[in-house]
Protein backbone atom coordinates (compact mmCIF):
# COMPACT_ATOMS: atom_id res chain seq x y z
CA UNK A 1 -9.40 5.26 -2.77
CA UNK A 2 -9.77 5.41 0.97
CA UNK A 3 -10.82 1.88 2.01
CA UNK A 4 -11.66 2.74 5.61
CA UNK A 5 -13.68 5.69 4.47
CA UNK A 6 -15.41 3.65 1.78
CA UNK A 7 -16.63 1.08 4.28
CA UNK A 8 -18.12 3.80 6.43
CA UNK A 9 -19.41 5.89 3.55
CA UNK A 10 -21.57 3.04 2.25
CA UNK A 11 -24.26 4.58 0.13
CA UNK A 12 -23.17 8.18 0.52
CA UNK A 13 -24.15 10.69 -2.08
CA UNK A 14 -21.24 10.91 -4.47
CA UNK A 15 -22.20 13.42 -7.10
CA UNK A 16 -22.44 17.04 -6.06
CA UNK A 17 -20.87 19.01 -8.85
CA UNK A 18 -18.70 18.63 -11.90
CA UNK A 19 -15.87 21.03 -12.54
CA UNK A 20 -14.69 21.32 -16.10
CA UNK A 21 -10.92 21.01 -16.26
CA UNK A 22 -8.13 19.89 -18.44
CA UNK A 23 -7.42 16.19 -18.28
CA UNK A 24 -4.41 14.98 -16.33
CA UNK A 25 -1.83 12.95 -18.29
CA UNK A 26 1.34 10.97 -17.83
CA UNK A 27 4.01 12.07 -20.32
CA UNK A 28 6.65 9.35 -20.73
CA UNK A 29 10.12 10.22 -22.03
CA UNK A 30 12.33 8.20 -24.35
CA UNK A 31 15.63 8.35 -22.48
CA UNK A 32 17.70 9.77 -19.63
CA UNK A 33 21.09 11.36 -19.21
CA UNK A 34 23.38 8.57 -17.94
CA UNK A 35 25.78 11.16 -16.54
CA UNK A 36 23.25 12.65 -14.10
CA UNK A 37 23.71 11.87 -10.41
CA UNK A 38 21.23 9.49 -8.75
CA UNK A 39 18.44 11.37 -6.98
CA UNK A 40 18.71 9.40 -3.74
CA UNK A 41 20.38 9.81 -0.38
CA UNK A 42 23.44 8.06 0.97
CA UNK A 43 21.12 6.21 3.37
CA UNK A 44 19.17 4.86 0.40
CA UNK A 45 22.33 3.56 -1.26
CA UNK A 46 23.50 1.99 2.00
CA UNK A 47 20.15 0.23 2.49
CA UNK A 48 20.39 -1.33 -0.95
CA UNK A 49 24.00 -2.36 -0.45
CA UNK A 50 23.10 -4.14 2.80
CA UNK A 51 20.31 -6.01 0.99
CA UNK A 52 22.58 -7.14 -1.82
CA UNK A 53 20.82 -4.97 -4.41
CA UNK A 54 22.45 -2.80 -7.08
CA UNK A 55 23.03 0.49 -5.26
CA UNK A 56 21.54 2.43 -8.16
CA UNK A 57 20.36 2.00 -11.73
CA UNK A 58 18.69 4.05 -14.46
CA UNK A 59 15.45 4.34 -12.45
CA UNK A 60 17.34 6.42 -9.87
CA UNK A 61 18.41 9.00 -12.42
CA UNK A 62 16.19 12.11 -12.66
CA UNK A 63 14.23 12.89 -15.77
CA UNK A 64 16.29 14.93 -18.19
CA UNK A 65 16.35 18.55 -17.10
CA UNK A 66 16.06 19.82 -20.67
CA UNK A 67 12.91 17.73 -21.22
CA UNK A 68 11.43 18.94 -17.95
CA UNK A 69 12.23 22.58 -18.69
CA UNK A 70 10.93 22.44 -22.26
CA UNK A 71 7.60 21.00 -21.18
CA UNK A 72 7.21 23.10 -18.07
CA UNK A 73 7.37 26.31 -20.07
CA UNK A 74 4.08 25.66 -21.86
CA UNK A 75 2.55 22.78 -19.89
CA UNK A 76 3.08 23.24 -16.13
CA UNK A 77 4.27 19.98 -14.61
CA UNK A 78 2.51 18.59 -11.56
CA UNK A 79 4.67 15.61 -10.58
CA UNK A 80 7.85 14.01 -11.87
CA UNK A 81 8.75 10.29 -11.68
CA UNK A 82 12.32 9.08 -12.12
CA UNK A 83 11.17 5.44 -11.76
CA UNK A 84 8.78 5.74 -14.70
CA UNK A 85 10.82 8.39 -16.57
CA UNK A 86 7.69 10.49 -16.80
CA UNK A 87 5.97 13.66 -15.63
CA UNK A 88 2.31 14.51 -15.14
CA UNK A 89 0.54 17.63 -16.44
CA UNK A 90 -2.91 18.92 -17.31
CA UNK A 91 -3.47 19.16 -21.05
CA UNK A 92 -6.25 20.10 -23.46
CA UNK A 93 -6.92 17.73 -26.39
CA UNK A 94 -4.97 20.07 -28.67
CA UNK A 95 -2.02 20.13 -26.26
CA UNK A 96 -2.00 16.33 -26.12
CA UNK A 97 -1.39 16.24 -29.85
CA UNK A 98 1.33 18.86 -29.53
CA UNK A 99 3.13 16.97 -26.78
CA UNK A 100 2.95 13.68 -28.67
CA UNK A 101 4.86 15.30 -31.53
CA UNK A 102 7.80 16.30 -29.35
CA UNK A 103 10.86 14.23 -30.36
CA UNK A 104 11.76 13.19 -26.78
CA UNK A 105 8.23 12.02 -25.81
CA UNK A 106 7.65 8.27 -25.89
CA UNK A 107 3.92 8.24 -25.09
CA UNK A 108 1.11 10.15 -23.43
CA UNK A 109 -1.46 8.44 -21.19
CA UNK A 110 -4.55 9.93 -19.54
CA UNK A 111 -4.86 9.47 -15.80
CA UNK A 112 -8.14 11.19 -15.03
CA UNK A 113 -11.41 12.39 -16.43
CA UNK A 114 -14.00 14.65 -14.83
CA UNK A 115 -13.63 16.06 -11.34
CA UNK A 116 -16.46 15.29 -8.92
CA UNK A 117 -17.02 16.40 -5.35
CA UNK A 118 -18.17 13.65 -2.99
CA UNK A 119 -19.89 13.81 0.36
CA UNK A 120 -18.39 11.62 3.08
CA UNK A 121 -19.38 10.35 6.50
CA UNK A 122 -17.36 10.72 9.73
CA UNK A 123 -14.91 7.95 10.46
CA UNK A 124 -15.13 5.95 13.65
CA UNK A 125 -12.36 4.91 15.97
CA UNK A 126 -11.69 1.25 16.51
CA UNK A 127 -10.02 -0.65 19.32
CA UNK A 128 -6.78 -2.47 18.68
CA UNK A 129 -7.00 -4.86 21.61
CA UNK A 130 -8.58 -7.83 19.73
CA UNK A 131 -6.11 -7.77 16.85
CA UNK A 132 -3.09 -7.20 19.11
CA UNK A 133 -4.10 -10.30 21.04
CA UNK A 134 -4.63 -12.16 17.79
CA UNK A 135 -1.13 -11.47 16.43
CA UNK A 136 0.49 -12.08 19.84
CA UNK A 137 1.74 -8.52 20.27
CA UNK A 138 2.95 -9.30 23.79
CA UNK A 139 5.64 -11.60 22.37
CA UNK A 140 7.32 -8.62 20.67
CA UNK A 141 7.01 -6.45 23.75
CA UNK A 142 8.47 -9.12 26.03
CA UNK A 143 11.41 -9.44 23.64
CA UNK A 144 11.90 -5.66 23.65
CA UNK A 145 10.95 -5.04 20.01
CA UNK A 146 8.91 -1.86 19.58
CA UNK A 147 10.03 -0.56 16.17
CA UNK A 148 12.82 1.51 17.71
CA UNK A 149 15.22 2.86 15.09
CA UNK A 150 12.89 1.99 12.19
CA UNK A 151 11.71 4.69 9.79
CA UNK A 152 8.18 4.06 8.50
CA UNK A 153 6.53 5.87 5.61
CA UNK A 154 2.77 6.40 5.67
CA UNK A 155 1.03 7.39 2.44
CA UNK A 156 -2.58 8.28 3.09
CA UNK A 157 -5.54 10.64 2.78
CA UNK A 158 -4.72 13.06 5.58
CA UNK A 159 -3.37 13.44 9.10
CA UNK A 160 -5.87 15.88 10.54
CA UNK A 161 -5.38 16.63 14.25
CA UNK A 162 -2.58 14.08 14.57
CA UNK A 163 -0.54 16.23 17.02
CA UNK A 164 -3.50 16.48 19.39
CA UNK A 165 -4.52 12.83 19.08
CA UNK A 166 -3.93 11.31 22.50
CA UNK A 167 -2.65 8.03 21.03
CA UNK A 168 -0.03 9.85 18.95
CA UNK A 169 1.03 12.47 21.50
CA UNK A 170 4.21 10.56 22.34
CA UNK A 171 5.38 10.69 18.69
CA UNK A 172 5.20 14.46 18.55
CA UNK A 173 6.74 14.90 21.99
CA UNK A 174 9.89 13.07 20.87
CA UNK A 175 9.79 14.61 17.36
CA UNK A 176 9.32 11.23 15.69
CA UNK A 177 7.64 12.74 12.60
CA UNK A 178 10.80 13.39 10.63
CA UNK A 179 9.23 15.04 7.58
CA UNK A 180 5.94 15.41 5.70
CA UNK A 181 4.61 16.18 2.24
CA UNK A 182 1.17 17.21 1.00
CA UNK A 183 0.82 16.28 -2.67
CA UNK A 184 -2.86 17.23 -2.76
CA UNK A 185 -2.29 20.77 -1.53
CA UNK A 186 1.49 21.36 -1.68
CA UNK A 187 1.18 24.76 -0.03
CA UNK A 188 0.29 23.00 3.23
CA UNK A 189 3.45 20.86 3.30
CA UNK A 190 5.40 23.12 5.65
CA UNK A 191 2.45 25.16 6.83
CA UNK A 192 1.17 25.17 10.40
CA UNK A 193 -2.18 24.28 8.84
CA UNK A 194 -1.00 20.87 7.58
CA UNK A 195 -2.62 19.16 10.58
CA UNK A 196 -5.52 21.57 11.04
CA UNK A 197 -7.06 22.17 7.60
CA UNK A 198 -10.22 20.05 7.25
CA UNK A 199 -11.40 19.24 3.73
CA UNK A 200 -13.29 16.00 4.35
CA UNK A 201 -13.91 13.44 7.08
CA UNK A 202 -11.32 11.24 5.36
CA UNK A 203 -8.64 13.67 6.45
CA UNK A 204 -8.54 11.75 9.74
CA UNK A 205 -7.72 8.49 7.95
CA UNK A 206 -3.93 8.75 8.09
CA UNK A 207 -4.20 9.70 11.76
CA UNK A 208 -6.13 6.49 12.43
CA UNK A 209 -3.62 4.45 10.42
CA UNK A 210 -0.70 5.87 12.39
CA UNK A 211 -2.54 5.09 15.61
CA UNK A 212 -2.85 1.47 14.50
CA UNK A 213 0.90 1.34 13.81
CA UNK A 214 2.29 3.28 16.74
CA UNK A 215 -0.50 4.60 18.94
CA UNK A 216 -0.22 4.45 22.74
CA UNK A 217 -2.93 4.61 25.37
CA UNK A 218 -3.48 3.38 28.89
CA UNK A 219 -4.96 0.09 27.65
CA UNK A 220 -3.13 -0.72 24.42
CA UNK A 221 -0.40 0.35 22.04
CA UNK A 222 0.50 -0.21 18.43
CA UNK A 223 3.32 -2.65 17.74
CA UNK A 224 5.79 0.03 16.56
CA UNK A 225 5.26 2.84 19.08
CA UNK A 226 9.00 3.62 19.14
CA UNK A 227 9.35 4.03 15.37
CA UNK A 228 9.93 7.26 13.41
CA UNK A 229 7.81 8.44 10.51
CA UNK A 230 7.74 10.16 7.16
CA UNK A 231 4.17 10.98 6.15
CA UNK A 232 2.60 11.97 2.83
CA UNK A 233 -0.90 12.99 1.89
CA UNK A 234 -1.73 11.86 -1.65
CA UNK A 235 -5.49 11.23 -1.56
CA UNK A 236 -8.21 13.87 -1.46
CA UNK A 237 -11.02 12.41 0.64
CA UNK A 238 -13.85 14.28 -1.10
CA UNK A 239 -13.25 12.79 -4.51
CA UNK A 240 -12.01 9.55 -6.05
CA UNK A 241 -10.06 9.77 -9.28
CA UNK A 242 -7.08 8.22 -10.99
CA UNK A 243 -5.37 11.58 -10.90
CA UNK A 244 -4.29 10.76 -7.35
CA UNK A 245 -2.05 7.98 -8.61
CA UNK A 246 0.79 10.28 -9.67
CA UNK A 247 0.70 11.80 -6.18
CA UNK A 248 1.18 8.29 -4.81
CA UNK A 249 4.13 7.54 -7.10
CA UNK A 250 5.73 10.88 -6.18
CA UNK A 251 5.38 10.08 -2.47
CA UNK A 252 6.94 6.64 -2.94
CA UNK A 253 9.94 8.10 -4.76
CA UNK A 254 10.36 10.81 -2.14
CA UNK A 255 10.46 8.24 0.64
CA UNK A 256 12.85 6.03 -1.31
CA UNK A 257 15.19 9.00 -1.80
CA UNK A 258 15.36 9.36 1.99
CA UNK A 259 16.17 5.71 2.58
CA UNK A 260 12.78 4.66 3.98
CA UNK A 261 12.42 0.87 3.67
CA UNK A 262 9.01 0.23 5.22
CA UNK A 263 5.86 1.86 3.79
CA UNK A 264 2.21 1.57 4.80
CA UNK A 265 -0.31 2.61 2.18
CA UNK A 266 -3.92 1.99 3.17
CA UNK A 267 -5.14 3.25 -0.19
CA UNK A 268 -6.07 1.51 -3.40
CA UNK A 269 -7.91 1.89 -6.68
CA UNK A 270 -10.53 -0.36 -8.26
CA UNK A 271 -14.10 0.74 -8.96
CA UNK A 272 -16.21 3.35 -7.23
CA UNK A 273 -14.52 6.34 -8.83
CA UNK A 274 -16.51 9.55 -8.83
CA UNK A 275 -16.36 9.33 -12.63
CA UNK A 276 -17.35 5.73 -13.57
CA UNK A 277 -15.38 6.06 -16.80
CA UNK A 278 -12.22 5.87 -14.67
CA UNK A 279 -13.12 2.54 -13.07
CA UNK A 280 -10.69 -0.30 -13.58
CA UNK A 281 -11.87 -3.67 -14.86
CA UNK A 282 -11.29 -6.74 -12.66
CA UNK A 283 -9.06 -8.23 -15.36
CA UNK A 284 -6.70 -5.27 -14.93
CA UNK A 285 -5.84 -6.29 -11.35
CA UNK A 286 -2.94 -8.31 -12.76
CA UNK A 287 -0.02 -6.57 -11.06
CA UNK A 288 1.22 -4.88 -14.21
CA UNK A 289 -1.56 -2.86 -15.84
CA UNK A 290 -1.86 0.10 -13.48
CA UNK A 291 0.96 2.60 -13.22
CA UNK A 292 0.98 2.40 -9.43
CA UNK A 293 1.35 -1.38 -9.45
CA UNK A 294 4.27 -1.06 -11.84
CA UNK A 295 5.79 1.54 -9.51
CA UNK A 296 5.14 -0.70 -6.50
CA UNK A 297 6.95 -3.57 -8.18
CA UNK A 298 9.93 -1.31 -8.91
CA UNK A 299 9.95 -0.34 -5.22
CA UNK A 300 10.07 -3.94 -4.05
CA UNK A 301 12.34 -5.41 -6.74
CA UNK A 302 14.86 -2.63 -7.28
CA UNK A 303 14.67 -0.37 -4.24
CA UNK A 304 14.52 -2.92 -1.43
CA UNK A 305 11.34 -1.47 0.04
CA UNK A 306 8.70 -3.42 1.97
CA UNK A 307 5.33 -2.06 0.91
CA UNK A 308 2.36 -3.05 3.09
CA UNK A 309 -0.93 -2.45 1.27
CA UNK A 310 -4.60 -2.84 2.14
CA UNK A 311 -6.16 -5.62 0.07
CA UNK A 312 -9.43 -3.74 -0.35
CA UNK A 313 -13.01 -3.76 0.91
CA UNK A 314 -14.88 -5.01 -2.14
CA UNK A 315 -15.36 -8.60 -0.98
CA UNK A 316 -19.14 -8.16 -0.72
CA UNK A 317 -19.42 -6.36 -4.06
CA UNK A 318 -20.80 -8.95 -6.54
CA UNK A 319 -19.48 -6.88 -9.45
CA UNK A 320 -15.90 -6.79 -8.14
CA UNK A 321 -14.99 -8.86 -5.03
CA UNK A 322 -11.24 -8.97 -5.76
CA UNK A 323 -8.27 -6.97 -4.48
CA UNK A 324 -7.47 -3.56 -5.90
CA UNK A 325 -4.32 -1.93 -7.18
CA UNK A 326 -1.50 -1.70 -6.00
CA UNK A 327 -2.28 -4.71 -3.78
CA UNK A 328 -2.20 -6.80 -6.97
CA UNK A 329 1.54 -6.22 -7.46
CA UNK A 330 3.42 -9.44 -6.77
CA UNK A 331 6.11 -7.89 -4.58
CA UNK A 332 3.89 -6.01 -2.12
CA UNK A 333 2.54 -7.41 1.15
CA UNK A 334 -1.23 -7.25 0.64
CA UNK A 335 -3.24 -7.53 3.86
CA UNK A 336 -6.82 -8.74 4.11
CA UNK A 337 -9.11 -8.89 7.12
CA UNK A 338 -10.42 -11.77 9.23
CA UNK A 339 -13.25 -12.29 11.64
CA UNK A 340 -12.28 -11.89 15.26
CA UNK A 341 -13.41 -15.30 16.55
CA UNK A 342 -12.75 -17.80 13.76
CA UNK A 343 -9.99 -16.10 11.74
CA UNK A 344 -11.64 -16.72 8.37
CA UNK A 345 -12.40 -13.94 5.89
CA UNK A 346 -14.64 -11.14 7.11
CA UNK A 347 -17.25 -10.41 4.45
CA UNK A 348 -16.00 -7.08 3.12
CA UNK A 349 -12.35 -8.19 2.70
CA UNK A 350 -11.35 -8.48 -0.96
CA UNK A 351 -10.19 -11.82 -2.34
CA UNK A 352 -7.31 -12.64 -4.65
CA UNK A 353 -8.06 -12.96 -8.39
CA UNK A 354 -7.92 -16.55 -9.62
CA UNK A 355 -6.00 -15.51 -12.72
CA UNK A 356 -2.95 -14.37 -10.72
CA UNK A 357 -0.05 -16.88 -10.69
CA UNK A 358 0.81 -15.86 -7.10
CA UNK A 359 -1.14 -15.68 -3.85
CA UNK A 360 -3.07 -12.57 -2.83
CA UNK A 361 -3.75 -11.39 -0.20
CA UNK A 362 -0.49 -12.46 1.46
CA UNK A 363 -1.77 -12.43 5.06
CA UNK A 364 -4.77 -11.16 7.03
CA UNK A 365 -5.73 -10.08 10.54
CA UNK A 366 -8.80 -8.81 12.33
CA UNK A 367 -10.24 -5.40 11.54
CA UNK A 368 -13.83 -4.37 12.08
CA UNK A 369 -13.76 -1.27 9.89
CA UNK A 370 -11.69 -2.19 6.83
CA UNK A 371 -8.43 -3.56 5.53
CA UNK A 372 -6.89 -0.11 5.87
CA UNK A 373 -6.68 -0.82 9.60
CA UNK A 374 -5.46 -4.41 9.27
CA UNK A 375 -2.55 -3.31 7.04
CA UNK A 376 -1.00 -0.94 9.63
CA UNK A 377 -1.04 -3.69 12.27
CA UNK A 378 1.07 -5.81 9.92
CA UNK A 379 3.27 -2.78 9.24
CA UNK A 380 3.99 -2.56 12.97
CA UNK A 381 4.66 -6.31 12.93
CA UNK A 382 7.20 -5.80 10.14
CA UNK A 383 8.87 -2.91 11.99
CA UNK A 384 9.46 -5.13 15.02
CA UNK A 385 11.08 -7.77 12.81
CA UNK A 386 13.28 -5.16 11.13
CA UNK A 387 14.44 -3.96 14.54
CA UNK A 388 15.11 -7.53 15.65
CA UNK A 389 16.99 -8.50 12.48
CA UNK A 390 18.31 -5.41 10.63
CA UNK A 391 20.53 -7.62 8.49
CA UNK A 392 17.55 -9.20 6.71
CA UNK A 393 16.32 -7.87 3.38
CA UNK A 394 12.78 -6.61 2.96
CA UNK A 395 11.91 -9.71 0.94
CA UNK A 396 13.22 -11.90 3.74
CA UNK A 397 11.06 -9.99 6.25
CA UNK A 398 8.03 -10.49 4.01
CA UNK A 399 8.77 -14.21 3.78
CA UNK A 400 9.03 -14.52 7.57
CA UNK A 401 5.69 -12.77 8.00
CA UNK A 402 4.07 -15.22 5.58
CA UNK A 403 5.70 -18.26 7.20
CA UNK A 404 4.64 -17.09 10.67
CA UNK A 405 0.98 -17.00 9.66
CA UNK A 406 -1.36 -19.56 11.18
CA UNK A 407 -2.38 -21.34 7.94
CA UNK A 408 1.09 -21.63 6.46
CA UNK A 409 1.86 -23.38 4.11
CA UNK A 410 -1.78 -23.89 3.10
CA UNK A 411 -2.66 -20.34 2.07
CA UNK A 412 -5.70 -19.36 0.03
CA UNK A 413 -7.08 -16.39 -1.90
CA UNK A 414 -9.50 -15.48 0.92
CA UNK A 415 -7.04 -14.76 3.76
CA UNK A 416 -3.63 -15.56 2.27
CA UNK A 417 -1.52 -17.51 4.74
CA UNK A 418 -3.74 -16.23 7.55
CA UNK A 419 -2.86 -14.36 10.73
CA UNK A 420 0.85 -13.63 11.40
CA UNK A 421 1.90 -14.80 14.87
CA UNK A 422 4.71 -13.00 16.68
CA UNK A 423 5.93 -16.10 18.52
CA UNK A 424 6.41 -17.95 15.25
CA UNK A 425 8.10 -14.96 13.61
CA UNK A 426 10.61 -14.65 16.45
CA UNK A 427 11.33 -18.38 16.23
CA UNK A 428 12.00 -18.01 12.51
CA UNK A 429 14.46 -15.20 13.20
CA UNK A 430 16.40 -17.60 15.39
CA UNK A 431 16.27 -20.38 12.82
CA UNK A 432 14.93 -19.44 9.36
CA UNK A 433 14.95 -23.09 8.30
CA UNK A 434 12.79 -24.15 11.25
CA UNK A 435 9.30 -25.50 10.70
CA UNK A 436 7.22 -23.44 13.12
CA UNK A 437 3.85 -24.24 11.59
CA UNK A 438 1.85 -27.20 12.85
CA UNK A 439 0.48 -28.46 9.55
CA UNK A 440 -0.15 -31.79 7.94
CA UNK A 441 -1.73 -33.16 4.80
CA UNK A 442 -4.12 -36.12 4.76
CA UNK A 443 -5.61 -38.06 1.88
CA UNK A 444 -9.36 -38.61 1.92
CA UNK A 445 -10.47 -42.03 0.70
CA UNK A 446 -13.93 -41.13 -0.51
CA UNK A 447 -16.33 -38.18 -0.59
CA UNK A 448 -16.32 -37.73 3.19
CA UNK A 449 -13.61 -37.28 5.78
CA UNK A 450 -13.73 -37.42 9.60
CA UNK A 451 -11.13 -35.75 11.80
CA UNK A 452 -10.90 -36.29 15.54
CA UNK A 453 -10.67 -33.12 17.61
CA UNK A 454 -8.85 -33.98 20.83
CA UNK A 455 -8.01 -30.56 22.27
CA UNK A 456 -9.58 -27.13 22.30
CA UNK A 457 -7.96 -25.36 19.32
CA UNK A 458 -5.57 -22.52 20.17
CA UNK A 459 -7.34 -19.20 20.48
CA UNK A 460 -10.86 -20.60 20.50
CA UNK A 461 -13.15 -19.69 23.36
CA UNK A 462 -15.03 -22.48 25.11
CA UNK A 463 -18.25 -21.23 23.57
CA UNK A 464 -16.66 -21.69 20.13
CA UNK A 465 -15.23 -25.13 20.82
CA UNK A 466 -17.88 -26.95 18.82
CA UNK A 467 -17.28 -24.91 15.62
CA UNK A 468 -14.26 -25.04 13.32
CA UNK A 469 -13.45 -22.86 10.32
CA UNK A 470 -13.09 -24.74 7.02
CA UNK A 471 -12.07 -23.59 3.53
CA UNK A 472 -13.45 -25.67 0.64
CA UNK A 473 -11.16 -25.20 -2.38
CA UNK A 474 -11.21 -26.08 -6.07
CA UNK A 475 -7.41 -25.98 -6.24
CA UNK A 476 -4.49 -25.58 -3.85
CA UNK A 477 -5.30 -21.91 -3.23
CA UNK A 478 -8.67 -20.97 -4.71
CA UNK A 479 -11.61 -21.07 -2.30
CA UNK A 480 -15.06 -22.25 -3.33
CA UNK A 481 -16.66 -21.47 0.04
CA UNK A 482 -15.70 -20.98 3.65
CA UNK A 483 -17.90 -22.27 6.44
CA UNK A 484 -18.05 -23.09 10.12
CA UNK A 485 -18.43 -26.83 10.72
CA UNK A 486 -19.80 -28.19 13.98
CA UNK A 487 -17.75 -30.68 15.98
CA UNK A 488 -19.95 -33.53 17.26
CA UNK A 489 -18.76 -35.99 19.89
CA UNK A 490 -15.18 -34.84 19.36
CA UNK A 491 -15.27 -35.43 15.62
CA UNK A 492 -15.37 -33.15 12.60
CA UNK A 493 -16.98 -34.65 9.49
CA UNK A 494 -16.57 -33.07 6.05
CA UNK A 495 -18.57 -33.77 2.91
CA UNK A 496 -16.89 -33.12 -0.40
CA UNK A 497 -18.48 -30.34 -2.44
CA UNK A 498 -18.81 -30.38 -6.25
CA UNK A 499 -15.49 -29.46 -7.91
CA UNK A 500 -13.68 -29.55 -4.57
CA UNK A 501 -10.08 -30.81 -4.69
CA UNK A 502 -8.70 -29.63 -1.32
CA UNK A 503 -10.11 -28.60 2.05
CA UNK A 504 -8.28 -26.65 4.75
CA UNK A 505 -9.31 -27.28 8.36
CA UNK A 506 -8.29 -24.27 10.43
CA UNK A 507 -7.64 -25.14 14.08
CA UNK A 508 -5.62 -21.92 14.64
CA UNK A 509 -2.81 -23.79 16.39
CA UNK A 510 -2.83 -26.48 13.73
CA UNK A 511 -3.89 -26.69 10.09
CA UNK A 512 -5.03 -29.85 8.31
CA UNK A 513 -5.05 -30.02 4.51
CA UNK A 514 -7.43 -32.66 3.16
CA UNK A 515 -6.76 -33.84 -0.40
CA UNK A 516 -9.74 -35.40 -2.14
CA UNK A 517 -9.36 -38.32 -4.57
């Protein structure tokens, strides 16, 4: 689902027509041929070796050719996944029963229902200047880190008019788009029409995402404007259906086979499908139910990839509110969105489910139009760190991003560890054991606590100096409410709320954790 598009679509008319079609299925196989060669490049194997990972395992072996050929004769295959040892195909109910009887088939699982056409609204451009200031982009530029030498994968809904986009002109001039795939309309992959065939307003979404990662203009530039890219279109902007998930898995495996370590995917799946029967339940955002979350975890655990994912835009939806898949996978870097002035959660940004045993989102930063534009800023952030410290593993880069964030170590399920700060991240590269965060814990003695504010908090404007962002929590990480508390006569006074156990006072340059008795 296109988050950026969803925010702008609002109450758009979804249902236009229903096309009867066979249902799309995953077909999982029982085994592989251990003598087959791994379907990955030498660069992929080298990346894993440098990260201390097994250079290949069974998930790198292709699906058995005889299984593929047998199925493809009667049931044309759409996508193949070596990670999942599965293929996707369209089947009638009778064909499903036939396939299930094949001796090499382990299971068959539906991945879509009806096919609906949706009407969308145009997307709007946003300025990067506020968020670049927020994450201290100038610290990377002064140090000479611009993503040079880093290959970034972008999996999205379309890259319409990217070559003529003024912010991306420099990428095409130096041939920085190394390869592309269109999994929605494969015929366009190598066609001149890849960048010029409009199917929906969401076809601009990947172009906007790339601009947020690497765009250049007279007034601003993305953090990774010297990076190189592999791009893949997996999402059809005029419909929302689970059938796009196998496109996403195929794109991930393609990029892994080329040795791409850093991926931005500003897509996700939750509710709001064109066919409501395909909606996930909130309880399924557990990091292991959806196929794409399972694939995302394989990518981070076994393939050494850093996957930066939009947390989602359902924070204001009373029937959902939480992050979507694959942002729920433990190993991915899920990015939420903050307000510009106070760095707390902006209303639409999805929160982390309380039933998860790990923190989501991981970090957040400002975006006016959706978490699909906060995620690429963090992707550019990660690219700069990879350029600065190529010896670090993807998990080590993720850890540095978390530790550089302004609330660390007092993260919460509204904004994660908060806004990553480039100055802190660079300091951590110099000394990973250093304590760059200014944080302390205090014990309240009763049901109220007063904190003296001596200096104007870092990043606050003078007009904001009398307001401080506070997170009231019922545990170490789970937020009851967030609010702005007024500072009076240089003092901040908190009143304990029912069921409140911890309170985080966010001073941007300093974080105070209050523990209630």
